Amino acid sequence: MTNNKCLKATTKTQRRKITKTLITGANKGIGFALAQNLGHRGYEVLIGARNETRGQEAVEKLKAEGITAEFVKVDLDDLNQLTSLSALTDIDLLINNAGISGNIHSDKGHLDMEKSAFDYSTTDLEETIKTNFLGTHTVIKELLPHSLTENAKIINITVPVSQEYWMPLAYVTSKAAQNAMTFAFGHQFKKDKSKKQIFAVMPGAVATDLNGAKVGDSPFVKSPEETAQMISKFIFDDKNHNAQIINFDGTIYDNYEPGLRNKVIKDVAKNGLKRKFKK
């Protein structure tokens, strides 16, 4: 009886040597490149996509490369559908890559990243925030209780949200909310003394269907494959990046208001946590 228990425990340990990742929006672009990168590192890859046909096509491509892959339906627009993700187990790495650009159509073209901030409607904002923020939030919440391993990492693919030269309002607003969630969840992991990590990566300009950019358009535009390699370096650099946003050049941001935070720290050190505010 004891030998059988030991055998079962050993078998389970051996099984867990195989690491598993769920990547949303993994049927193309950065997501698929990450699936290839991690798959060749020995990860079992779960291809998260809303379209099953395209998701299965991605799975077959990965299998042809010798990668263990499986399709998982992930539709960020359908919050009820996302509850099914709670049935997944042993996720070591969750990469939230899926998202929409928001309505960037204008009289200049279908993909106008310079569309005026005044031309976005309330509906544009609602749809984009629901998908990119609430959808991603729901994915994490469904996986947190039982689906993620003890040392799991959650990576959110994000963008800068306050640059003058690039400001598609609906998209950056949704990412600002997602970035705030990255900080909040990361700080909560610290408070809870959890071994899990959550951080975000800003990959910079990448040639994807989302923005219509192509490699060669400028020296700054990267291919999805180059981007996946860059992101994987941050994942496997043996550093704790919890509650951080990492730029593609390695610059780390751990808050949005460094000046304000320093002022608050000095104020607390001087006056304590309890303050009386004058009316």
C-alpha atoms as a PDB file:
ATOM      1  CA  MET A   1       0.000   0.000   0.000  1.00  0.00           C
ATOM      2  CA  THR A   2       2.817   2.360   0.960  1.00  0.00           C
ATOM      3  CA  ASN A   3       4.722   1.499  -2.210  1.00  0.00           C
ATOM      4  CA  ASN A   4       1.650   2.257  -4.298  1.00  0.00           C
ATOM      5  CA  LYS A   5       1.286   5.665  -2.616  1.00  0.00           C
ATOM      6  CA  CYS A   6       4.927   6.460  -3.268  1.00  0.00           C
ATOM      7  CA  LEU A   7       4.548   5.374  -6.878  1.00  0.00           C
ATOM      8  CA  LYS A   8       1.524   7.631  -7.341  1.00  0.00           C
ATOM      9  CA  ALA A   9       3.324  10.568  -5.765  1.00  0.00           C
ATOM     10  CA  THR A  10       6.372   9.987  -7.952  1.00  0.00           C
ATOM     11  CA  THR A  11       4.241   9.694 -11.067  1.00  0.00           C
ATOM     12  CA  LYS A  12       2.463  12.968 -10.246  1.00  0.00           C
ATOM     13  CA  THR A  13       5.793  14.718  -9.702  1.00  0.00           C
ATOM     14  CA  GLN A  14       7.074  13.415 -13.011  1.00  0.00           C
ATOM     15  CA  ARG A  15       3.954  14.656 -14.762  1.00  0.00           C
ATOM     16  CA  ARG A  16       4.431  18.150 -13.335  1.00  0.00           C
ATOM     17  CA  LYS A  17       7.868  18.403 -14.892  1.00  0.00           C
ATOM     18  CA  ILE A  18       5.914  19.330 -18.014  1.00  0.00           C
ATOM     19  CA  THR A  19       5.107  23.028 -17.721  1.00  0.00           C
ATOM     20  CA  LYS A  20       1.918  24.466 -19.149  1.00  0.00           C
ATOM     21  CA  THR A  21       1.012  27.869 -20.562  1.00  0.00           C
ATOM     22  CA  LEU A  22      -2.269  29.435 -21.601  1.00  0.00           C
ATOM     23  CA  ILE A  23      -1.874  32.228 -24.139  1.00  0.00           C
ATOM     24  CA  THR A  24      -4.897  34.255 -25.152  1.00  0.00           C
ATOM     25  CA  GLY A  25      -5.146  35.511 -28.722  1.00  0.00           C
ATOM     26  CA  ALA A  26      -2.656  32.801 -29.662  1.00  0.00           C
ATOM     27  CA  ASN A  27      -3.906  31.845 -33.117  1.00  0.00           C
ATOM     28  CA  LYS A  28      -1.826  34.587 -34.805  1.00  0.00           C
ATOM     29  CA  GLY A  29       0.604  37.446 -34.311  1.00  0.00           C
ATOM     30  CA  ILE A  30       2.456  37.867 -31.021  1.00  0.00           C
ATOM     31  CA  GLY A  31       0.367  35.157 -29.354  1.00  0.00           C
ATOM     32  CA  PHE A  32       1.232  32.505 -31.913  1.00  0.00           C
ATOM     33  CA  ALA A  33       4.905  33.511 -31.895  1.00  0.00           C
ATOM     34  CA  LEU A  34       4.911  33.128 -28.105  1.00  0.00           C
ATOM     35  CA  ALA A  35       3.276  29.712 -28.463  1.00  0.00           C
ATOM     36  CA  GLN A  36       6.081  28.645 -30.785  1.00  0.00           C
ATOM     37  CA  ASN A  37       8.767  30.083 -28.527  1.00  0.00           C
ATOM     38  CA  LEU A  38       7.445  28.467 -25.357  1.00  0.00           C
ATOM     39  CA  GLY A  39       6.522  25.245 -27.122  1.00  0.00           C
ATOM     40  CA  HIS A  40      10.107  24.786 -28.276  1.00  0.00           C
ATOM     41  CA  ARG A  41      11.182  25.375 -24.674  1.00  0.00           C
ATOM     42  CA  GLY A  42       9.161  22.320 -23.681  1.00  0.00           C
ATOM     43  CA  TYR A  43       5.924  23.973 -22.593  1.00  0.00           C
ATOM     44  CA  GLU A  44       2.572  22.374 -23.219  1.00  0.00           C
ATOM     45  CA  VAL A  45       0.688  25.179 -24.975  1.00  0.00           C
ATOM     46  CA  LEU A  46      -2.990  25.978 -24.624  1.00  0.00           C
ATOM     47  CA  ILE A  47      -4.050  28.106 -27.581  1.00  0.00           C
ATOM     48  CA  GLY A  48      -6.638  30.569 -26.332  1.00  0.00           C
ATOM     49  CA  ALA A  49      -8.769  31.944 -29.165  1.00  0.00           C
ATOM     50  CA  ARG A  50     -12.393  32.900 -29.719  1.00  0.00           C
ATOM     51  CA  ASN A  51     -12.614  31.319 -33.181  1.00  0.00           C
ATOM     52  CA  GLU A  52     -12.312  27.535 -32.898  1.00  0.00           C
ATOM     53  CA  THR A  53     -11.429  26.978 -36.561  1.00  0.00           C
ATOM     54  CA  ARG A  54      -8.528  29.410 -36.444  1.00  0.00           C
ATOM     55  CA  GLY A  55      -7.500  28.131 -33.047  1.00  0.00           C
ATOM     56  CA  GLN A  56      -7.397  24.532 -34.253  1.00  0.00           C
ATOM     57  CA  GLU A  57      -5.387  25.580 -37.314  1.00  0.00           C
ATOM     58  CA  ALA A  58      -2.804  27.138 -34.993  1.00  0.00           C
ATOM     59  CA  VAL A  59      -2.744  23.954 -32.921  1.00  0.00           C
ATOM     60  CA  GLU A  60      -2.040  21.827 -36.002  1.00  0.00           C
ATOM     61  CA  LYS A  61       0.799  24.133 -37.068  1.00  0.00           C
ATOM     62  CA  LEU A  62       2.383  23.810 -33.636  1.00  0.00           C
ATOM     63  CA  LYS A  63       1.965  20.037 -33.587  1.00  0.00           C
ATOM     64  CA  ALA A  64       3.727  19.880 -36.956  1.00  0.00           C
ATOM     65  CA  GLU A  65       6.692  21.511 -35.206  1.00  0.00           C
ATOM     66  CA  GLY A  66       6.658  18.859 -32.489  1.00  0.00           C
ATOM     67  CA  ILE A  67       4.924  21.068 -29.906  1.00  0.00           C
ATOM     68  CA  THR A  68       2.229  19.734 -27.580  1.00  0.00           C
ATOM     69  CA  ALA A  69      -0.730  22.028 -28.102  1.00  0.00           C
ATOM     70  CA  GLU A  70      -4.466  22.179 -27.472  1.00  0.00           C
ATOM     71  CA  PHE A  71      -7.241  24.633 -28.299  1.00  0.00           C
ATOM     72  CA  VAL A  72      -9.113  26.397 -25.492  1.00  0.00           C
ATOM     73  CA  LYS A  73     -11.975  28.743 -26.300  1.00  0.00           C
ATOM     74  CA  VAL A  74     -11.323  32.213 -24.887  1.00  0.00           C
ATOM     75  CA  ASP A  75     -13.774  34.914 -25.987  1.00  0.00           C
ATOM     76  CA  LEU A  76     -13.046  38.110 -24.075  1.00  0.00           C
ATOM     77  CA  ASP A  77     -16.323  39.592 -25.325  1.00  0.00           C
ATOM     78  CA  ASP A  78     -18.321  36.830 -23.589  1.00  0.00           C
ATOM     79  CA  LEU A  79     -17.723  37.052 -19.849  1.00  0.00           C
ATOM     80  CA  ASN A  80     -20.076  34.132 -19.194  1.00  0.00           C
ATOM     81  CA  GLN A  81     -18.094  31.879 -21.544  1.00  0.00           C
ATOM     82  CA  LEU A  82     -14.899  32.689 -19.668  1.00  0.00           C
ATOM     83  CA  THR A  83     -16.204  30.958 -16.536  1.00  0.00           C
ATOM     84  CA  SER A  84     -15.392  27.643 -18.242  1.00  0.00           C
ATOM     85  CA  LEU A  85     -11.676  28.413 -17.798  1.00  0.00           C
ATOM     86  CA  SER A  86     -11.943  27.540 -14.100  1.00  0.00           C
ATOM     87  CA  ALA A  87     -11.898  23.864 -15.146  1.00  0.00           C
ATOM     88  CA  LEU A  88      -8.281  24.166 -16.342  1.00  0.00           C
ATOM     89  CA  THR A  89      -5.485  22.944 -14.086  1.00  0.00           C
ATOM     90  CA  ASP A  90      -1.720  23.274 -13.573  1.00  0.00           C
ATOM     91  CA  ILE A  91      -1.230  26.538 -15.480  1.00  0.00           C
ATOM     92  CA  ASP A  92       2.329  27.722 -14.833  1.00  0.00           C
ATOM     93  CA  LEU A  93       2.238  30.679 -17.182  1.00  0.00           C
ATOM     94  CA  LEU A  94      -0.739  32.801 -18.237  1.00  0.00           C
ATOM     95  CA  ILE A  95      -0.096  35.320 -21.000  1.00  0.00           C
ATOM     96  CA  ASN A  96      -2.908  37.795 -21.614  1.00  0.00           C
ATOM     97  CA  ASN A  97      -2.266  38.838 -25.190  1.00  0.00           C
ATOM     98  CA  ALA A  98      -5.759  38.967 -26.726  1.00  0.00           C
ATOM     99  CA  GLY A  99      -7.450  42.281 -27.286  1.00  0.00           C
ATOM    100  CA  ILE A 100      -9.028  44.637 -29.787  1.00  0.00           C
ATOM    101  CA  SER A 101      -7.819  47.983 -31.080  1.00  0.00           C
ATOM    102  CA  GLY A 102     -11.130  49.731 -30.547  1.00  0.00           C
ATOM    103  CA  ASN A 103     -12.871  51.561 -33.358  1.00  0.00           C
ATOM    104  CA  ILE A 104      -9.941  53.220 -35.134  1.00  0.00           C
ATOM    105  CA  HIS A 105     -11.809  53.633 -38.412  1.00  0.00           C
ATOM    106  CA  SER A 106     -11.893  57.157 -39.770  1.00  0.00           C
ATOM    107  CA  ASP A 107     -12.219  58.914 -43.110  1.00  0.00           C
ATOM    108  CA  LYS A 108      -8.452  58.369 -43.459  1.00  0.00           C
ATOM    109  CA  GLY A 109      -8.785  54.591 -43.456  1.00  0.00           C
ATOM    110  CA  HIS A 110      -9.746  51.421 -41.581  1.00  0.00           C
ATOM    111  CA  LEU A 111      -6.706  51.452 -39.256  1.00  0.00           C
ATOM    112  CA  ASP A 112      -6.158  55.073 -38.315  1.00  0.00           C
ATOM    113  CA  MET A 113      -3.945  55.075 -35.228  1.00  0.00           C
ATOM    114  CA  GLU A 114      -3.921  58.895 -35.384  1.00  0.00           C
ATOM    115  CA  LYS A 115      -7.686  59.197 -35.152  1.00  0.00           C
ATOM    116  CA  SER A 116      -8.711  62.240 -33.105  1.00  0.00           C
ATOM    117  CA  ALA A 117      -9.418  61.517 -29.442  1.00  0.00           C
ATOM    118  CA  PHE A 118     -12.626  63.553 -29.862  1.00  0.00           C
ATOM    119  CA  ASP A 119     -13.967  61.140 -32.484  1.00  0.00           C
ATOM    120  CA  TYR A 120     -14.332  58.143 -30.150  1.00  0.00           C
ATOM    121  CA  SER A 121     -17.868  57.467 -29.009  1.00  0.00           C
ATOM    122  CA  THR A 122     -19.019  56.171 -25.640  1.00  0.00           C
ATOM    123  CA  THR A 123     -19.849  52.886 -27.355  1.00  0.00           C
ATOM    124  CA  ASP A 124     -16.278  52.649 -28.689  1.00  0.00           C
ATOM    125  CA  LEU A 125     -14.951  53.035 -25.160  1.00  0.00           C
ATOM    126  CA  GLU A 126     -17.429  50.593 -23.628  1.00  0.00           C
ATOM    127  CA  GLU A 127     -16.696  47.852 -26.152  1.00  0.00           C
ATOM    128  CA  THR A 128     -12.932  48.186 -25.909  1.00  0.00           C
ATOM    129  CA  ILE A 129     -12.827  48.364 -22.117  1.00  0.00           C
ATOM    130  CA  LYS A 130     -15.144  45.374 -21.831  1.00  0.00           C
ATOM    131  CA  THR A 131     -12.919  43.246 -24.055  1.00  0.00           C
ATOM    132  CA  ASN A 132      -9.431  44.360 -23.111  1.00  0.00           C
ATOM    133  CA  PHE A 133      -9.925  45.069 -19.422  1.00  0.00           C
ATOM    134  CA  LEU A 134     -13.013  43.280 -18.108  1.00  0.00           C
ATOM    135  CA  GLY A 135     -12.350  40.239 -20.304  1.00  0.00           C
ATOM    136  CA  THR A 136      -8.742  39.958 -19.163  1.00  0.00           C
ATOM    137  CA  HIS A 137      -9.784  40.581 -15.551  1.00  0.00           C
ATOM    138  CA  THR A 138     -12.302  37.748 -15.798  1.00  0.00           C
ATOM    139  CA  VAL A 139      -9.716  35.355 -17.268  1.00  0.00           C
ATOM    140  CA  ILE A 140      -7.388  35.974 -14.327  1.00  0.00           C
ATOM    141  CA  LYS A 141     -10.157  35.764 -11.737  1.00  0.00           C
ATOM    142  CA  GLU A 142     -11.430  32.457 -13.121  1.00  0.00           C
ATOM    143  CA  LEU A 143      -7.955  30.913 -13.052  1.00  0.00           C
ATOM    144  CA  LEU A 144      -6.712  32.287  -9.728  1.00  0.00           C
ATOM    145  CA  PRO A 145      -8.500  30.023  -7.233  1.00  0.00           C
ATOM    146  CA  HIS A 146      -7.552  26.557  -8.490  1.00  0.00           C
ATOM    147  CA  SER A 147      -6.075  26.656 -12.001  1.00  0.00           C
ATOM    148  CA  LEU A 148      -2.723  28.389 -11.479  1.00  0.00           C
ATOM    149  CA  THR A 149       0.253  26.669  -9.893  1.00  0.00           C
ATOM    150  CA  GLU A 150       1.858  27.990  -6.711  1.00  0.00           C
ATOM    151  CA  ASN A 151       4.655  29.818  -8.563  1.00  0.00           C
ATOM    152  CA  ALA A 152       2.614  30.819 -11.603  1.00  0.00           C
ATOM    153  CA  LYS A 153       3.413  33.955 -13.586  1.00  0.00           C
ATOM    154  CA  ILE A 154       0.781  36.159 -15.222  1.00  0.00           C
ATOM    155  CA  ILE A 155       2.009  38.388 -18.040  1.00  0.00           C
ATOM    156  CA  ASN A 156      -0.141  41.133 -19.548  1.00  0.00           C
ATOM    157  CA  ILE A 157       0.872  42.503 -22.953  1.00  0.00           C
ATOM    158  CA  THR A 158       0.355  46.260 -22.776  1.00  0.00           C
ATOM    159  CA  VAL A 159       1.293  49.672 -24.171  1.00  0.00           C
ATOM    160  CA  PRO A 160       2.278  53.136 -22.900  1.00  0.00           C
ATOM    161  CA  VAL A 161      -0.843  55.161 -22.108  1.00  0.00           C
ATOM    162  CA  SER A 162       0.335  58.770 -22.047  1.00  0.00           C
ATOM    163  CA  GLN A 163       2.481  59.330 -25.109  1.00  0.00           C
ATOM    164  CA  GLU A 164       1.701  62.432 -27.123  1.00  0.00           C
ATOM    165  CA  TYR A 165       2.588  60.915 -30.502  1.00  0.00           C
ATOM    166  CA  TRP A 166       0.446  57.749 -30.157  1.00  0.00           C
ATOM    167  CA  MET A 167      -2.896  57.939 -28.409  1.00  0.00           C
ATOM    168  CA  PRO A 168      -5.759  55.790 -29.814  1.00  0.00           C
ATOM    169  CA  LEU A 169      -8.138  56.711 -27.008  1.00  0.00           C
ATOM    170  CA  ALA A 170     -10.280  53.569 -26.622  1.00  0.00           C
ATOM    171  CA  TYR A 171      -7.298  51.227 -26.783  1.00  0.00           C
ATOM    172  CA  VAL A 172      -4.998  53.102 -24.395  1.00  0.00           C
ATOM    173  CA  THR A 173      -7.850  53.700 -21.942  1.00  0.00           C
ATOM    174  CA  SER A 174      -8.491  49.958 -21.742  1.00  0.00           C
ATOM    175  CA  LYS A 175      -4.776  49.304 -21.289  1.00  0.00           C
ATOM    176  CA  ALA A 176      -4.514  51.958 -18.567  1.00  0.00           C
ATOM    177  CA  ALA A 177      -7.159  50.048 -16.615  1.00  0.00           C
ATOM    178  CA  GLN A 178      -5.303  46.794 -17.279  1.00  0.00           C
ATOM    179  CA  ASN A 179      -2.043  48.347 -16.059  1.00  0.00           C
ATOM    180  CA  ALA A 180      -3.755  49.503 -12.862  1.00  0.00           C
ATOM    181  CA  MET A 181      -4.942  45.927 -12.361  1.00  0.00           C
ATOM    182  CA  THR A 182      -1.383  44.653 -12.837  1.00  0.00           C
ATOM    183  CA  PHE A 183      -0.189  46.911 -10.018  1.00  0.00           C
ATOM    184  CA  ALA A 184      -3.176  46.150  -7.758  1.00  0.00           C
ATOM    185  CA  PHE A 185      -3.009  42.362  -8.185  1.00  0.00           C
ATOM    186  CA  GLY A 186       0.771  42.404  -7.795  1.00  0.00           C
ATOM    187  CA  HIS A 187       0.555  44.355  -4.538  1.00  0.00           C
ATOM    188  CA  GLN A 188      -2.142  41.951  -3.335  1.00  0.00           C
ATOM    189  CA  PHE A 189       0.132  38.985  -4.071  1.00  0.00           C
ATOM    190  CA  LYS A 190       2.761  40.679  -1.879  1.00  0.00           C
ATOM    191  CA  LYS A 191       0.287  41.299   0.942  1.00  0.00           C
ATOM    192  CA  ASP A 192      -0.918  37.711   0.768  1.00  0.00           C
ATOM    193  CA  LYS A 193       2.696  36.450   0.724  1.00  0.00           C
ATOM    194  CA  SER A 194       1.875  34.608  -2.492  1.00  0.00           C
ATOM    195  CA  LYS A 195       4.643  33.184  -4.664  1.00  0.00           C
ATOM    196  CA  LYS A 196       2.716  34.118  -7.788  1.00  0.00           C
ATOM    197  CA  GLN A 197       3.775  37.054  -9.943  1.00  0.00           C
ATOM    198  CA  ILE A 198       1.912  39.350 -12.281  1.00  0.00           C
ATOM    199  CA  PHE A 199       3.646  41.859 -14.520  1.00  0.00           C
ATOM    200  CA  ALA A 200       3.176  43.550 -17.870  1.00  0.00           C
ATOM    201  CA  VAL A 201       5.399  43.960 -20.909  1.00  0.00           C
ATOM    202  CA  MET A 202       5.272  46.863 -23.366  1.00  0.00           C
ATOM    203  CA  PRO A 203       6.713  45.331 -26.566  1.00  0.00           C
ATOM    204  CA  GLY A 204       6.807  48.564 -28.545  1.00  0.00           C
ATOM    205  CA  ALA A 205       5.888  48.728 -32.225  1.00  0.00           C
ATOM    206  CA  VAL A 206       5.041  45.272 -33.590  1.00  0.00           C
ATOM    207  CA  ALA A 207       3.742  44.258 -37.007  1.00  0.00           C
ATOM    208  CA  THR A 208       0.266  42.819 -36.314  1.00  0.00           C
ATOM    209  CA  ASP A 209      -3.240  42.840 -37.750  1.00  0.00           C
ATOM    210  CA  LEU A 210      -4.241  45.048 -34.828  1.00  0.00           C
ATOM    211  CA  ASN A 211      -2.378  48.074 -36.123  1.00  0.00           C
ATOM    212  CA  GLY A 212      -1.667  47.252 -39.765  1.00  0.00           C
ATOM    213  CA  ALA A 213       2.056  47.936 -39.322  1.00  0.00           C
ATOM    214  CA  LYS A 214       4.594  45.906 -41.330  1.00  0.00           C
ATOM    215  CA  VAL A 215       8.211  45.032 -40.669  1.00  0.00           C
ATOM    216  CA  GLY A 216      10.266  47.530 -42.625  1.00  0.00           C
ATOM    217  CA  ASP A 217       7.779  50.384 -42.223  1.00  0.00           C
ATOM    218  CA  SER A 218      10.295  51.866 -39.793  1.00  0.00           C
ATOM    219  CA  PRO A 219      13.380  50.657 -37.937  1.00  0.00           C
ATOM    220  CA  PHE A 220      11.267  50.445 -34.776  1.00  0.00           C
ATOM    221  CA  VAL A 221       8.713  47.884 -36.013  1.00  0.00           C
ATOM    222  CA  LYS A 222       9.480  44.378 -34.762  1.00  0.00           C
ATOM    223  CA  SER A 223       8.210  41.054 -36.069  1.00  0.00           C
ATOM    224  CA  PRO A 224       6.026  38.901 -33.781  1.00  0.00           C
ATOM    225  CA  GLU A 225       8.897  36.403 -33.567  1.00  0.00           C
ATOM    226  CA  GLU A 226      11.355  39.063 -32.385  1.00  0.00           C
ATOM    227  CA  THR A 227       8.763  40.270 -29.912  1.00  0.00           C
ATOM    228  CA  ALA A 228       8.165  36.781 -28.524  1.00  0.00           C
ATOM    229  CA  GLN A 229      11.882  36.295 -28.010  1.00  0.00           C
ATOM    230  CA  MET A 230      12.110  39.608 -26.158  1.00  0.00           C
ATOM    231  CA  ILE A 231       9.139  38.806 -23.901  1.00  0.00           C
ATOM    232  CA  SER A 232      10.495  35.342 -23.119  1.00  0.00           C
ATOM    233  CA  LYS A 233      13.751  36.910 -21.878  1.00  0.00           C
ATOM    234  CA  PHE A 234      11.806  38.770 -19.199  1.00  0.00           C
ATOM    235  CA  ILE A 235       9.877  35.633 -18.287  1.00  0.00           C
ATOM    236  CA  PHE A 236      13.004  33.536 -17.821  1.00  0.00           C
ATOM    237  CA  ASP A 237      15.511  36.050 -16.421  1.00  0.00           C
ATOM    238  CA  ASP A 238      15.143  34.620 -12.865  1.00  0.00           C
ATOM    239  CA  LYS A 239      14.066  38.027 -11.528  1.00  0.00           C
ATOM    240  CA  ASN A 240      10.930  38.795  -9.565  1.00  0.00           C
ATOM    241  CA  HIS A 241       8.976  41.235 -11.729  1.00  0.00           C
ATOM    242  CA  ASN A 242       5.806  41.193  -9.661  1.00  0.00           C
ATOM    243  CA  ALA A 243       3.801  44.439  -9.907  1.00  0.00           C
ATOM    244  CA  GLN A 244       6.036  45.837 -12.634  1.00  0.00           C
ATOM    245  CA  ILE A 245       5.560  47.095 -16.179  1.00  0.00           C
ATOM    246  CA  ILE A 246       8.608  46.369 -18.325  1.00  0.00           C
ATOM    247  CA  ASN A 247       9.395  48.327 -21.454  1.00  0.00           C
ATOM    248  CA  PHE A 248      10.898  46.511 -24.441  1.00  0.00           C
ATOM    249  CA  ASP A 249      14.307  48.052 -23.663  1.00  0.00           C
ATOM    250  CA  GLY A 250      14.266  46.624 -20.139  1.00  0.00           C
ATOM    251  CA  THR A 251      13.243  49.820 -18.359  1.00  0.00           C
ATOM    252  CA  ILE A 252      11.067  48.939 -15.374  1.00  0.00           C
ATOM    253  CA  TYR A 253       8.107  50.963 -14.109  1.00  0.00           C
ATOM    254  CA  ASP A 254       6.574  50.052 -10.771  1.00  0.00           C
ATOM    255  CA  ASN A 255       4.138  52.964 -10.547  1.00  0.00           C
ATOM    256  CA  TYR A 256       2.541  55.672 -12.683  1.00  0.00           C
ATOM    257  CA  GLU A 257       3.227  58.583 -10.348  1.00  0.00           C
ATOM    258  CA  PRO A 258       6.824  58.309  -9.081  1.00  0.00           C
ATOM    259  CA  GLY A 259       6.988  61.941  -8.002  1.00  0.00           C
ATOM    260  CA  LEU A 260       3.646  61.760  -6.224  1.00  0.00           C
ATOM    261  CA  ARG A 261       4.545  58.487  -4.516  1.00  0.00           C
ATOM    262  CA  ASN A 262       7.835  59.880  -3.225  1.00  0.00           C
ATOM    263  CA  LYS A 263       5.978  62.886  -1.840  1.00  0.00           C
ATOM    264  CA  VAL A 264       3.449  60.633  -0.086  1.00  0.00           C
ATOM    265  CA  ILE A 265       6.221  58.491   1.424  1.00  0.00           C
ATOM    266  CA  LYS A 266       7.966  61.578   2.799  1.00  0.00           C
ATOM    267  CA  ASP A 267       4.658  62.921   4.102  1.00  0.00           C
ATOM    268  CA  VAL A 268       3.826  59.649   5.863  1.00  0.00           C
ATOM    269  CA  ALA A 269       7.328  59.489   7.358  1.00  0.00           C
ATOM    270  CA  LYS A 270       6.859  63.013   8.713  1.00  0.00           C
ATOM    271  CA  ASN A 271       3.216  62.983   9.809  1.00  0.00           C
ATOM    272  CA  GLY A 272       2.268  59.318  10.132  1.00  0.00           C
ATOM    273  CA  LEU A 273      -0.541  57.487   8.381  1.00  0.00           C
ATOM    274  CA  LYS A 274      -3.371  59.332  10.127  1.00  0.00           C
ATOM    275  CA  ARG A 275      -3.889  62.814   8.812  1.00  0.00           C
ATOM    276  CA  LYS A 276      -6.469  65.473   9.456  1.00  0.00           C
ATOM    277  CA  PHE A 277      -7.689  67.192   6.321  1.00  0.00           C
ATOM    278  CA  LYS A 278      -8.809  70.775   6.556  1.00  0.00           C
ATOM    279  CA  LYS A 279     -12.186  71.555   5.085  1.00  0.00           C
END
